[in-house]
Amino acid sequence: MSRVVFFNTYKLKKGVSVPDFLLAVEKLNDNYISKQKGYISFSLLVDGETWADSTTFETMEDAKKFAEASGPNEFAEQFYAFINLMSCKTHFFSVEKSF
C-alpha cells in the first residue's frame, strides 16, 4: 500500500504573530502528530497569505484514523487559535510516485 499525505490549506487570522504560530505548529507536531500511528513526516508551507501543512503517513487507514481522532488537545487548540477556520480545506492524497 502506498504512503498517504494528509494535506491542509488555510489562512491565518488577521494580526496574528507568525513566530508564535510557528512555535504552536512545532509543539503540535512534536507533542501530538509525530506520536500517531503510521506517522512519517510533517511539512509546513506558505505562499503569501496561504499556508499549508502536509503530514505523511504509512497508510490511508493511519491518515484517516488520525484525522477522525484529532479531537481537542492543548496543542491543537493553540494551533487552531491562529487559523481562520472558514478558510480550511483538507485533502488525502495517495503517493503515486516519489523520486
PDB file of N, CA and C in Angstrom:
ATOM      1  N   MET A   1       0.850  -1.186   0.000  1.00  0.00           N
ATOM      2  CA  MET A   1       0.000   0.000   0.000  1.00  0.00           C
ATOM      3  C   MET A   1       0.892   1.245   0.000  1.00  0.00           C
ATOM      4  N   SER A   2       0.474   2.269  -0.718  1.00  0.00           N
ATOM      5  CA  SER A   2       1.303   3.462  -0.831  1.00  0.00           C
ATOM      6  C   SER A   2       1.130   4.388   0.362  1.00  0.00           C
ATOM      7  N   ARG A   3       2.090   5.239   0.521  1.00  0.00           N
ATOM      8  CA  ARG A   3       2.024   6.252   1.572  1.00  0.00           C
ATOM      9  C   ARG A   3       0.922   7.247   1.242  1.00  0.00           C
ATOM     10  N   VAL A   4       0.480   7.968   2.278  1.00  0.00           N
ATOM     11  CA  VAL A   4      -0.616   8.919   2.122  1.00  0.00           C
ATOM     12  C   VAL A   4      -0.213  10.253   2.736  1.00  0.00           C
ATOM     13  N   VAL A   5      -0.601  11.328   2.053  1.00  0.00           N
ATOM     14  CA  VAL A   5      -0.357  12.680   2.546  1.00  0.00           C
ATOM     15  C   VAL A   5      -1.695  13.298   2.940  1.00  0.00           C
ATOM     16  N   PHE A   6      -1.777  13.724   4.184  1.00  0.00           N
ATOM     17  CA  PHE A   6      -2.923  14.463   4.703  1.00  0.00           C
ATOM     18  C   PHE A   6      -2.555  15.931   4.523  1.00  0.00           C
ATOM     19  N   PHE A   7      -3.258  16.631   3.624  1.00  0.00           N
ATOM     20  CA  PHE A   7      -2.860  17.968   3.189  1.00  0.00           C
ATOM     21  C   PHE A   7      -3.949  18.972   3.533  1.00  0.00           C
ATOM     22  N   ASN A   8      -3.557  20.061   4.206  1.00  0.00           N
ATOM     23  CA  ASN A   8      -4.496  21.109   4.617  1.00  0.00           C
ATOM     24  C   ASN A   8      -4.004  22.459   4.125  1.00  0.00           C
ATOM     25  N   THR A   9      -4.927  23.292   3.655  1.00  0.00           N
ATOM     26  CA  THR A   9      -4.599  24.684   3.345  1.00  0.00           C
ATOM     27  C   THR A   9      -5.484  25.585   4.185  1.00  0.00           C
ATOM     28  N   TYR A  10      -4.968  26.767   4.502  1.00  0.00           N
ATOM     29  CA  TYR A  10      -5.698  27.707   5.353  1.00  0.00           C
ATOM     30  C   TYR A  10      -5.004  29.056   5.348  1.00  0.00           C
ATOM     31  N   LYS A  11      -5.694  30.030   5.906  1.00  0.00           N
ATOM     32  CA  LYS A  11      -5.126  31.356   6.121  1.00  0.00           C
ATOM     33  C   LYS A  11      -5.107  31.607   7.622  1.00  0.00           C
ATOM     34  N   LEU A  12      -4.168  32.425   8.032  1.00  0.00           N
ATOM     35  CA  LEU A  12      -4.096  32.789   9.437  1.00  0.00           C
ATOM     36  C   LEU A  12      -5.078  33.924   9.717  1.00  0.00           C
ATOM     37  N   LYS A  13      -5.462  34.047  10.965  1.00  0.00           N
ATOM     38  CA  LYS A  13      -6.303  35.168  11.370  1.00  0.00           C
ATOM     39  C   LYS A  13      -5.503  36.458  11.198  1.00  0.00           C
ATOM     40  N   LYS A  14      -6.199  37.545  10.951  1.00  0.00           N
ATOM     41  CA  LYS A  14      -5.543  38.846  10.792  1.00  0.00           C
ATOM     42  C   LYS A  14      -4.802  39.222  12.068  1.00  0.00           C
ATOM     43  N   GLY A  15      -3.571  39.699  11.892  1.00  0.00           N
ATOM     44  CA  GLY A  15      -2.809  40.247  13.004  1.00  0.00           C
ATOM     45  C   GLY A  15      -2.115  39.252  13.913  1.00  0.00           C
ATOM     46  N   VAL A  16      -2.187  37.950  13.612  1.00  0.00           N
ATOM     47  CA  VAL A  16      -1.501  37.001  14.490  1.00  0.00           C
ATOM     48  C   VAL A  16       0.009  37.073  14.274  1.00  0.00           C
ATOM     49  N   SER A  17       0.737  36.645  15.264  1.00  0.00           N
ATOM     50  CA  SER A  17       2.202  36.614  15.209  1.00  0.00           C
ATOM     51  C   SER A  17       2.651  35.338  14.504  1.00  0.00           C
ATOM     52  N   VAL A  18       3.341  35.493  13.377  1.00  0.00           N
ATOM     53  CA  VAL A  18       3.843  34.318  12.662  1.00  0.00           C
ATOM     54  C   VAL A  18       4.842  33.540  13.514  1.00  0.00           C
ATOM     55  N   PRO A  19       5.797  34.193  14.209  1.00  0.00           N
ATOM     56  CA  PRO A  19       6.697  33.404  15.058  1.00  0.00           C
ATOM     57  C   PRO A  19       5.949  32.602  16.133  1.00  0.00           C
ATOM     58  N   ASP A  20       4.894  33.172  16.704  1.00  0.00           N
ATOM     59  CA  ASP A  20       4.106  32.438  17.699  1.00  0.00           C
ATOM     60  C   ASP A  20       3.371  31.267  17.039  1.00  0.00           C
ATOM     61  N   PHE A  21       2.861  31.485  15.834  1.00  0.00           N
ATOM     62  CA  PHE A  21       2.198  30.409  15.081  1.00  0.00           C
ATOM     63  C   PHE A  21       3.183  29.281  14.805  1.00  0.00           C
ATOM     64  N   LEU A  22       4.388  29.616  14.353  1.00  0.00           N
ATOM     65  CA  LEU A  22       5.397  28.593  14.054  1.00  0.00           C
ATOM     66  C   LEU A  22       5.733  27.778  15.296  1.00  0.00           C
ATOM     67  N   LEU A  23       5.798  28.424  16.441  1.00  0.00           N
ATOM     68  CA  LEU A  23       6.059  27.716  17.696  1.00  0.00           C
ATOM     69  C   LEU A  23       4.901  26.776  18.038  1.00  0.00           C
ATOM     70  N   ALA A  24       3.669  27.226  17.818  1.00  0.00           N
ATOM     71  CA  ALA A  24       2.499  26.377  18.085  1.00  0.00           C
ATOM     72  C   ALA A  24       2.493  25.160  17.161  1.00  0.00           C
ATOM     73  N   VAL A  25       2.867  25.351  15.890  1.00  0.00           N
ATOM     74  CA  VAL A  25       2.936  24.239  14.942  1.00  0.00           C
ATOM     75  C   VAL A  25       3.986  23.229  15.386  1.00  0.00           C
ATOM     76  N   GLU A  26       5.143  23.724  15.779  1.00  0.00           N
ATOM     77  CA  GLU A  26       6.222  22.835  16.222  1.00  0.00           C
ATOM     78  C   GLU A  26       5.794  22.023  17.443  1.00  0.00           C
ATOM     79  N   LYS A  27       5.164  22.681  18.403  1.00  0.00           N
ATOM     80  CA  LYS A  27       4.705  21.970  19.603  1.00  0.00           C
ATOM     81  C   LYS A  27       3.643  20.932  19.259  1.00  0.00           C
ATOM     82  N   LEU A  28       2.716  21.281  18.357  1.00  0.00           N
ATOM     83  CA  LEU A  28       1.682  20.337  17.943  1.00  0.00           C
ATOM     84  C   LEU A  28       2.312  19.106  17.301  1.00  0.00           C
ATOM     85  N   ASN A  29       3.254  19.322  16.389  1.00  0.00           N
ATOM     86  CA  ASN A  29       3.891  18.182  15.730  1.00  0.00           C
ATOM     87  C   ASN A  29       4.713  17.347  16.709  1.00  0.00           C
ATOM     88  N   ASP A  30       5.539  18.006  17.500  1.00  0.00           N
ATOM     89  CA  ASP A  30       6.437  17.282  18.410  1.00  0.00           C
ATOM     90  C   ASP A  30       5.689  16.511  19.499  1.00  0.00           C
ATOM     91  N   ASN A  31       4.600  17.086  19.989  1.00  0.00           N
ATOM     92  CA  ASN A  31       3.918  16.504  21.148  1.00  0.00           C
ATOM     93  C   ASN A  31       2.680  15.687  20.821  1.00  0.00           C
ATOM     94  N   TYR A  32       2.184  15.784  19.588  1.00  0.00           N
ATOM     95  CA  TYR A  32       0.973  15.051  19.262  1.00  0.00           C
ATOM     96  C   TYR A  32       1.060  14.325  17.909  1.00  0.00           C
ATOM     97  N   ILE A  33       1.201  15.085  16.821  1.00  0.00           N
ATOM     98  CA  ILE A  33       1.124  14.482  15.485  1.00  0.00           C
ATOM     99  C   ILE A  33       2.184  13.400  15.295  1.00  0.00           C
ATOM    100  N   SER A  34       3.417  13.694  15.674  1.00  0.00           N
ATOM    101  CA  SER A  34       4.512  12.742  15.443  1.00  0.00           C
ATOM    102  C   SER A  34       4.375  11.457  16.250  1.00  0.00           C
ATOM    103  N   LYS A  35       3.482  11.444  17.217  1.00  0.00           N
ATOM    104  CA  LYS A  35       3.280  10.257  18.047  1.00  0.00           C
ATOM    105  C   LYS A  35       2.157   9.354  17.523  1.00  0.00           C
ATOM    106  N   GLN A  36       1.529   9.747  16.406  1.00  0.00           N
ATOM    107  CA  GLN A  36       0.410   8.976  15.864  1.00  0.00           C
ATOM    108  C   GLN A  36       0.893   7.793  15.047  1.00  0.00           C
ATOM    109  N   LYS A  37       0.077   6.737  15.028  1.00  0.00           N
ATOM    110  CA  LYS A  37       0.406   5.518  14.286  1.00  0.00           C
ATOM    111  C   LYS A  37       0.624   5.835  12.807  1.00  0.00           C
ATOM    112  N   GLY A  38       1.705   5.337  12.261  1.00  0.00           N
ATOM    113  CA  GLY A  38       1.990   5.485  10.848  1.00  0.00           C
ATOM    114  C   GLY A  38       2.627   6.801  10.443  1.00  0.00           C
ATOM    115  N   TYR A  39       2.868   7.686  11.404  1.00  0.00           N
ATOM    116  CA  TYR A  39       3.462   8.997  11.099  1.00  0.00           C
ATOM    117  C   TYR A  39       4.836   8.826  10.445  1.00  0.00           C
ATOM    118  N   ILE A  40       5.070   9.586   9.372  1.00  0.00           N
ATOM    119  CA  ILE A  40       6.380   9.598   8.720  1.00  0.00           C
ATOM    120  C   ILE A  40       7.014  10.980   8.801  1.00  0.00           C
ATOM    121  N   SER A  41       6.272  12.023   8.384  1.00  0.00           N
ATOM    122  CA  SER A  41       6.863  13.365   8.380  1.00  0.00           C
ATOM    123  C   SER A  41       5.782  14.435   8.344  1.00  0.00           C
ATOM    124  N   PHE A  42       6.189  15.653   8.632  1.00  0.00           N
ATOM    125  CA  PHE A  42       5.305  16.820   8.622  1.00  0.00           C
ATOM    126  C   PHE A  42       6.049  17.972   7.966  1.00  0.00           C
ATOM    127  N   SER A  43       5.358  18.714   7.100  1.00  0.00           N
ATOM    128  CA  SER A  43       5.936  19.912   6.479  1.00  0.00           C
ATOM    129  C   SER A  43       4.935  21.050   6.577  1.00  0.00           C
ATOM    130  N   LEU A  44       5.453  22.251   6.772  1.00  0.00           N
ATOM    131  CA  LEU A  44       4.636  23.464   6.791  1.00  0.00           C
ATOM    132  C   LEU A  44       5.075  24.314   5.611  1.00  0.00           C
ATOM    133  N   LEU A  45       4.107  24.784   4.822  1.00  0.00           N
ATOM    134  CA  LEU A  45       4.383  25.533   3.598  1.00  0.00           C
ATOM    135  C   LEU A  45       3.643  26.865   3.639  1.00  0.00           C
ATOM    136  N   VAL A  46       4.153  27.848   2.899  1.00  0.00           N
ATOM    137  CA  VAL A  46       3.462  29.133   2.813  1.00  0.00           C
ATOM    138  C   VAL A  46       3.658  29.729   1.426  1.00  0.00           C
ATOM    139  N   ASP A  47       2.606  30.377   0.931  1.00  0.00           N
ATOM    140  CA  ASP A  47       2.636  31.125  -0.319  1.00  0.00           C
ATOM    141  C   ASP A  47       1.812  32.385  -0.090  1.00  0.00           C
ATOM    142  N   GLY A  48       2.498  33.477   0.196  1.00  0.00           N
ATOM    143  CA  GLY A  48       1.780  34.714   0.518  1.00  0.00           C
ATOM    144  C   GLY A  48       0.996  34.541   1.796  1.00  0.00           C
ATOM    145  N   GLU A  49      -0.330  34.677   1.706  1.00  0.00           N
ATOM    146  CA  GLU A  49      -1.193  34.536   2.885  1.00  0.00           C
ATOM    147  C   GLU A  49      -1.760  33.123   3.041  1.00  0.00           C
ATOM    148  N   THR A  50      -1.468  32.256   2.092  1.00  0.00           N
ATOM    149  CA  THR A  50      -1.982  30.883   2.163  1.00  0.00           C
ATOM    150  C   THR A  50      -0.927  29.962   2.752  1.00  0.00           C
ATOM    151  N   TRP A  51      -1.312  29.269   3.800  1.00  0.00           N
ATOM    152  CA  TRP A  51      -0.455  28.298   4.470  1.00  0.00           C
ATOM    153  C   TRP A  51      -0.964  26.899   4.147  1.00  0.00           C
ATOM    154  N   ALA A  52      -0.077  25.937   4.237  1.00  0.00           N
ATOM    155  CA  ALA A  52      -0.456  24.540   4.055  1.00  0.00           C
ATOM    156  C   ALA A  52       0.401  23.684   4.964  1.00  0.00           C
ATOM    157  N   ASP A  53      -0.177  22.584   5.404  1.00  0.00           N
ATOM    158  CA  ASP A  53       0.631  21.593   6.103  1.00  0.00           C
ATOM    159  C   ASP A  53       0.381  20.242   5.472  1.00  0.00           C
ATOM    160  N   SER A  54       1.421  19.453   5.481  1.00  0.00           N
ATOM    161  CA  SER A  54       1.427  18.163   4.815  1.00  0.00           C
ATOM    162  C   SER A  54       1.983  17.137   5.789  1.00  0.00           C
ATOM    163  N   THR A  55       1.156  16.170   6.152  1.00  0.00           N
ATOM    164  CA  THR A  55       1.601  15.116   7.057  1.00  0.00           C
ATOM    165  C   THR A  55       1.558  13.796   6.292  1.00  0.00           C
ATOM    166  N   THR A  56       2.684  13.115   6.250  1.00  0.00           N
ATOM    167  CA  THR A  56       2.773  11.848   5.535  1.00  0.00           C
ATOM    168  C   THR A  56       2.631  10.698   6.519  1.00  0.00           C
ATOM    169  N   PHE A  57       1.752   9.752   6.139  1.00  0.00           N
ATOM    170  CA  PHE A  57       1.502   8.554   6.932  1.00  0.00           C
ATOM    171  C   PHE A  57       1.812   7.324   6.094  1.00  0.00           C
ATOM    172  N   GLU A  58       2.013   6.207   6.758  1.00  0.00           N
ATOM    173  CA  GLU A  58       2.307   4.945   6.074  1.00  0.00           C
ATOM    174  C   GLU A  58       1.130   4.450   5.247  1.00  0.00           C
ATOM    175  N   THR A  59      -0.114   4.627   5.744  1.00  0.00           N
ATOM    176  CA  THR A  59      -1.283   4.096   5.040  1.00  0.00           C
ATOM    177  C   THR A  59      -2.447   5.092   5.088  1.00  0.00           C
ATOM    178  N   MET A  60      -3.426   4.884   4.207  1.00  0.00           N
ATOM    179  CA  MET A  60      -4.652   5.690   4.229  1.00  0.00           C
ATOM    180  C   MET A  60      -5.389   5.474   5.542  1.00  0.00           C
ATOM    181  N   GLU A  61      -5.392   4.254   6.019  1.00  0.00           N
ATOM    182  CA  GLU A  61      -6.050   3.958   7.299  1.00  0.00           C
ATOM    183  C   GLU A  61      -5.440   4.785   8.428  1.00  0.00           C
ATOM    184  N   ASP A  62      -4.107   4.856   8.489  1.00  0.00           N
ATOM    185  CA  ASP A  62      -3.439   5.659   9.525  1.00  0.00           C
ATOM    186  C   ASP A  62      -3.829   7.129   9.406  1.00  0.00           C
ATOM    187  N   ALA A  63      -3.829   7.659   8.182  1.00  0.00           N
ATOM    188  CA  ALA A  63      -4.150   9.073   7.964  1.00  0.00           C
ATOM    189  C   ALA A  63      -5.592   9.379   8.355  1.00  0.00           C
ATOM    190  N   LYS A  64      -6.495   8.518   7.957  1.00  0.00           N
ATOM    191  CA  LYS A  64      -7.914   8.762   8.265  1.00  0.00           C
ATOM    192  C   LYS A  64      -8.205   8.593   9.747  1.00  0.00           C
ATOM    193  N   LYS A  65      -7.565   7.630  10.384  1.00  0.00           N
ATOM    194  CA  LYS A  65      -7.740   7.477  11.834  1.00  0.00           C
ATOM    195  C   LYS A  65      -7.211   8.711  12.566  1.00  0.00           C
ATOM    196  N   PHE A  66      -6.081   9.224  12.101  1.00  0.00           N
ATOM    197  CA  PHE A  66      -5.538  10.448  12.688  1.00  0.00           C
ATOM    198  C   PHE A  66      -6.541  11.593  12.540  1.00  0.00           C
ATOM    199  N   ALA A  67      -7.064  11.781  11.341  1.00  0.00           N
ATOM    200  CA  ALA A  67      -7.997  12.881  11.083  1.00  0.00           C
ATOM    201  C   ALA A  67      -9.270  12.741  11.916  1.00  0.00           C
ATOM    202  N   GLU A  68      -9.778  11.529  12.036  1.00  0.00           N
ATOM    203  CA  GLU A  68     -11.012  11.286  12.796  1.00  0.00           C
ATOM    204  C   GLU A  68     -10.798  11.443  14.294  1.00  0.00           C
ATOM    205  N   ALA A  69      -9.628  11.060  14.768  1.00  0.00           N
ATOM    206  CA  ALA A  69      -9.360  11.063  16.209  1.00  0.00           C
ATOM    207  C   ALA A  69      -8.744  12.368  16.695  1.00  0.00           C
ATOM    208  N   SER A  70      -8.506  13.295  15.794  1.00  0.00           N
ATOM    209  CA  SER A  70      -7.839  14.545  16.185  1.00  0.00           C
ATOM    210  C   SER A  70      -8.810  15.473  16.887  1.00  0.00           C
ATOM    211  N   GLY A  71      -9.171  15.063  18.070  1.00  0.00           N
ATOM    212  CA  GLY A  71     -10.052  15.880  18.885  1.00  0.00           C
ATOM    213  C   GLY A  71      -9.267  16.962  19.593  1.00  0.00           C
ATOM    214  N   PRO A  72      -9.963  17.730  20.386  1.00  0.00           N
ATOM    215  CA  PRO A  72      -9.297  18.816  21.098  1.00  0.00           C
ATOM    216  C   PRO A  72      -8.198  18.304  22.034  1.00  0.00           C
ATOM    217  N   ASN A  73      -7.066  18.939  21.947  1.00  0.00           N
ATOM    218  CA  ASN A  73      -5.992  18.748  22.911  1.00  0.00           C
ATOM    219  C   ASN A  73      -5.296  20.090  23.024  1.00  0.00           C
ATOM    220  N   GLU A  74      -4.516  20.298  24.046  1.00  0.00           N
ATOM    221  CA  GLU A  74      -3.961  21.631  24.267  1.00  0.00           C
ATOM    222  C   GLU A  74      -3.099  22.116  23.109  1.00  0.00           C
ATOM    223  N   PHE A  75      -2.391  21.226  22.440  1.00  0.00           N
ATOM    224  CA  PHE A  75      -1.517  21.625  21.331  1.00  0.00           C
ATOM    225  C   PHE A  75      -2.330  21.990  20.094  1.00  0.00           C
ATOM    226  N   ALA A  76      -3.377  21.222  19.806  1.00  0.00           N
ATOM    227  CA  ALA A  76      -4.254  21.534  18.673  1.00  0.00           C
ATOM    228  C   ALA A  76      -4.997  22.837  18.918  1.00  0.00           C
ATOM    229  N   GLU A  77      -5.475  23.048  20.128  1.00  0.00           N
ATOM    230  CA  GLU A  77      -6.195  24.285  20.446  1.00  0.00           C
ATOM    231  C   GLU A  77      -5.304  25.507  20.262  1.00  0.00           C
ATOM    232  N   GLN A  78      -4.024  25.407  20.662  1.00  0.00           N
ATOM    233  CA  GLN A  78      -3.091  26.521  20.453  1.00  0.00           C
ATOM    234  C   GLN A  78      -2.889  26.781  18.962  1.00  0.00           C
ATOM    235  N   PHE A  79      -2.765  25.712  18.170  1.00  0.00           N
ATOM    236  CA  PHE A  79      -2.603  25.822  16.724  1.00  0.00           C
ATOM    237  C   PHE A  79      -3.833  26.465  16.091  1.00  0.00           C
ATOM    238  N   TYR A  80      -5.033  25.953  16.418  1.00  0.00           N
ATOM    239  CA  TYR A  80      -6.269  26.454  15.819  1.00  0.00           C
ATOM    240  C   TYR A  80      -6.558  27.905  16.200  1.00  0.00           C
ATOM    241  N   ALA A  81      -6.016  28.376  17.299  1.00  0.00           N
ATOM    242  CA  ALA A  81      -6.231  29.767  17.708  1.00  0.00           C
ATOM    243  C   ALA A  81      -5.661  30.751  16.678  1.00  0.00           C
ATOM    244  N   PHE A  82      -4.723  30.304  15.845  1.00  0.00           N
ATOM    245  CA  PHE A  82      -4.103  31.163  14.836  1.00  0.00           C
ATOM    246  C   PHE A  82      -4.802  31.091  13.472  1.00  0.00           C
ATOM    247  N   ILE A  83      -5.651  30.087  13.272  1.00  0.00           N
ATOM    248  CA  ILE A  83      -6.194  29.754  11.958  1.00  0.00           C
ATOM    249  C   ILE A  83      -7.571  30.377  11.734  1.00  0.00           C
ATOM    250  N   ASN A  84      -7.792  30.888  10.535  1.00  0.00           N
ATOM    251  CA  ASN A  84      -9.135  31.268  10.091  1.00  0.00           C
ATOM    252  C   ASN A  84      -9.795  29.964   9.644  1.00  0.00           C
ATOM    253  N   LEU A  85     -10.596  29.384  10.500  1.00  0.00           N
ATOM    254  CA  LEU A  85     -11.158  28.053  10.251  1.00  0.00           C
ATOM    255  C   LEU A  85     -12.071  28.015   9.025  1.00  0.00           C
ATOM    256  N   MET A  86     -12.653  29.137   8.650  1.00  0.00           N
ATOM    257  CA  MET A  86     -13.511  29.183   7.463  1.00  0.00           C
ATOM    258  C   MET A  86     -12.701  29.014   6.177  1.00  0.00           C
ATOM    259  N   SER A  87     -11.389  29.197   6.253  1.00  0.00           N
ATOM    260  CA  SER A  87     -10.543  29.099   5.060  1.00  0.00           C
ATOM    261  C   SER A  87      -9.935  27.708   4.873  1.00  0.00           C
ATOM    262  N   CYS A  88     -10.182  26.800   5.796  1.00  0.00           N
ATOM    263  CA  CYS A  88      -9.534  25.475   5.770  1.00  0.00           C
ATOM    264  C   CYS A  88     -10.097  24.567   4.683  1.00  0.00           C
ATOM    265  N   LYS A  89      -9.186  23.875   4.025  1.00  0.00           N
ATOM    266  CA  LYS A  89      -9.535  22.819   3.069  1.00  0.00           C
ATOM    267  C   LYS A  89      -8.626  21.636   3.365  1.00  0.00           C
ATOM    268  N   THR A  90      -9.192  20.435   3.344  1.00  0.00           N
ATOM    269  CA  THR A  90      -8.454  19.226   3.687  1.00  0.00           C
ATOM    270  C   THR A  90      -8.554  18.208   2.557  1.00  0.00           C
ATOM    271  N   HIS A  91      -7.430  17.528   2.290  1.00  0.00           N
ATOM    272  CA  HIS A  91      -7.381  16.501   1.257  1.00  0.00           C
ATOM    273  C   HIS A  91      -6.516  15.337   1.736  1.00  0.00           C
ATOM    274  N   PHE A  92      -6.827  14.151   1.229  1.00  0.00           N
ATOM    275  CA  PHE A  92      -5.977  12.975   1.408  1.00  0.00           C
ATOM    276  C   PHE A  92      -5.456  12.597   0.031  1.00  0.00           C
ATOM    277  N   PHE A  93      -4.149  12.509  -0.105  1.00  0.00           N
ATOM    278  CA  PHE A  93      -3.534  12.142  -1.375  1.00  0.00           C
ATOM    279  C   PHE A  93      -2.742  10.847  -1.194  1.00  0.00           C
ATOM    280  N   SER A  94      -2.944   9.887  -2.073  1.00  0.00           N
ATOM    281  CA  SER A  94      -2.087   8.702  -2.117  1.00  0.00           C
ATOM    282  C   SER A  94      -0.830   9.073  -2.897  1.00  0.00           C
ATOM    283  N   VAL A  95       0.311   8.674  -2.396  1.00  0.00           N
ATOM    284  CA  VAL A  95       1.567   8.972  -3.086  1.00  0.00           C
ATOM    285  C   VAL A  95       1.688   8.002  -4.260  1.00  0.00           C
ATOM    286  N   GLU A  96       1.656   8.541  -5.442  1.00  0.00           N
ATOM    287  CA  GLU A  96       1.735   7.732  -6.648  1.00  0.00           C
ATOM    288  C   GLU A  96       3.174   7.344  -6.935  1.00  0.00           C
ATOM    289  N   LYS A  97       4.093   8.300  -6.765  1.00  0.00           N
ATOM    290  CA  LYS A  97       5.497   8.034  -7.047  1.00  0.00           C
ATOM    291  C   LYS A  97       6.339   9.083  -6.324  1.00  0.00           C
ATOM    292  N   SER A  98       7.426   8.659  -5.777  1.00  0.00           N
ATOM    293  CA  SER A  98       8.390   9.559  -5.139  1.00  0.00           C
ATOM    294  C   SER A  98       9.726   9.419  -5.826  1.00  0.00           C
ATOM    295  N   PHE A  99      10.453  10.497  -5.889  1.00  0.00           N
ATOM    296  CA  PHE A  99      11.771  10.478  -6.539  1.00  0.00           C
ATOM    297  C   PHE A  99      12.845  10.870  -5.547  1.00  0.00           C
TER     298      PHE A  99
END
